[in-house]
Amino acid sequence: MNGGLAPIPVHATVAEMNPDCTGKLQYAVNLSNLSATIEERFFLFDEGRKFRSVPTSIQGGIDTLA
């Protein structure tokens, strides 16, 4: 996650993995002035070597966080 000049590491949990190579990631962001739980839908391609994701839910924080 990029919060400006310094990337912010997050530890994501794969909450869902489907046979069609789609799934759901969940992770929390905890900064001094912000705490949010983010959920993203993803899909794998190139035999699992690459993925793309789209934020689908942000609880807490600001809407444009992800």
Protein backbone atom coordinates (compact mmCIF):
# COMPACT_ATOMS: atom_id res chain seq x y z
CA MET A 1 0.00 0.00 0.00
CA ASN A 2 1.37 3.43 -0.88
CA GLY A 3 0.54 6.22 1.55
CA GLY A 4 2.87 8.77 0.03
CA LEU A 5 6.62 8.47 -0.37
CA ALA A 6 7.08 5.50 1.96
CA PRO A 7 5.14 2.27 1.27
CA ILE A 8 3.12 0.87 4.19
CA PRO A 9 3.44 -2.91 4.52
CA VAL A 10 0.24 -4.83 5.21
CA HIS A 11 -0.38 -8.51 5.88
CA ALA A 12 -3.33 -9.74 3.87
CA THR A 13 -5.43 -12.82 4.54
CA VAL A 14 -6.92 -14.78 1.67
CA ALA A 15 -10.50 -14.98 2.89
CA GLU A 16 -11.86 -16.75 -0.19
CA MET A 17 -10.31 -18.72 -3.07
CA ASN A 18 -12.48 -20.06 -5.89
CA PRO A 19 -11.81 -22.70 -8.58
CA ASP A 20 -12.02 -19.99 -11.30
CA CYS A 21 -8.92 -18.23 -9.83
CA THR A 22 -10.88 -15.42 -8.16
CA GLY A 23 -11.00 -14.65 -4.46
CA LYS A 24 -11.09 -12.13 -1.67
CA LEU A 25 -8.29 -10.51 0.37
CA GLN A 26 -8.75 -8.82 3.74
CA TYR A 27 -6.24 -6.64 5.57
CA ALA A 28 -6.07 -3.93 8.19
CA VAL A 29 -4.27 -0.60 8.00
CA ASN A 30 -3.29 0.94 11.32
CA LEU A 31 -1.64 4.35 11.20
CA SER A 32 -1.36 6.95 13.94
CA ASN A 33 -4.43 8.85 12.69
CA LEU A 34 -6.25 6.12 10.78
CA SER A 35 -7.46 2.57 11.27
CA ALA A 36 -9.32 0.73 8.52
CA THR A 37 -10.20 -2.79 7.42
CA ILE A 38 -10.11 -3.27 3.67
CA GLU A 39 -11.52 -6.04 1.53
CA GLU A 40 -10.49 -6.57 -2.09
CA ARG A 41 -11.65 -8.95 -4.82
CA PHE A 42 -8.82 -10.40 -6.92
CA PHE A 43 -8.16 -12.69 -9.84
CA LEU A 44 -5.02 -14.64 -10.70
CA PHE A 45 -3.64 -15.00 -14.21
CA ASP A 46 -0.47 -16.00 -16.04
CA GLU A 47 -0.57 -19.38 -14.26
CA GLY A 48 -0.78 -17.69 -10.85
CA ARG A 49 2.28 -15.47 -11.30
CA LYS A 50 0.26 -12.24 -11.48
CA PHE A 51 -2.91 -10.88 -9.91
CA ARG A 52 -5.13 -7.82 -10.03
CA SER A 53 -7.45 -6.61 -7.31
CA VAL A 54 -10.20 -4.05 -6.74
CA PRO A 55 -11.20 -2.71 -3.30
CA THR A 56 -14.81 -3.62 -2.56
CA SER A 57 -15.18 -2.58 1.08
CA ILE A 58 -13.43 -0.08 3.36
CA GLN A 59 -14.58 -0.03 6.98
CA GLY A 60 -13.26 2.96 8.88
CA GLY A 61 -10.68 5.24 7.34
CA ILE A 62 -11.50 7.29 4.27
CA ASP A 63 -13.25 6.13 1.08
CA THR A 64 -10.27 6.83 -1.17
CA LEU A 65 -7.76 4.98 1.02
CA ALA A 66 -7.38 2.06 -1.37
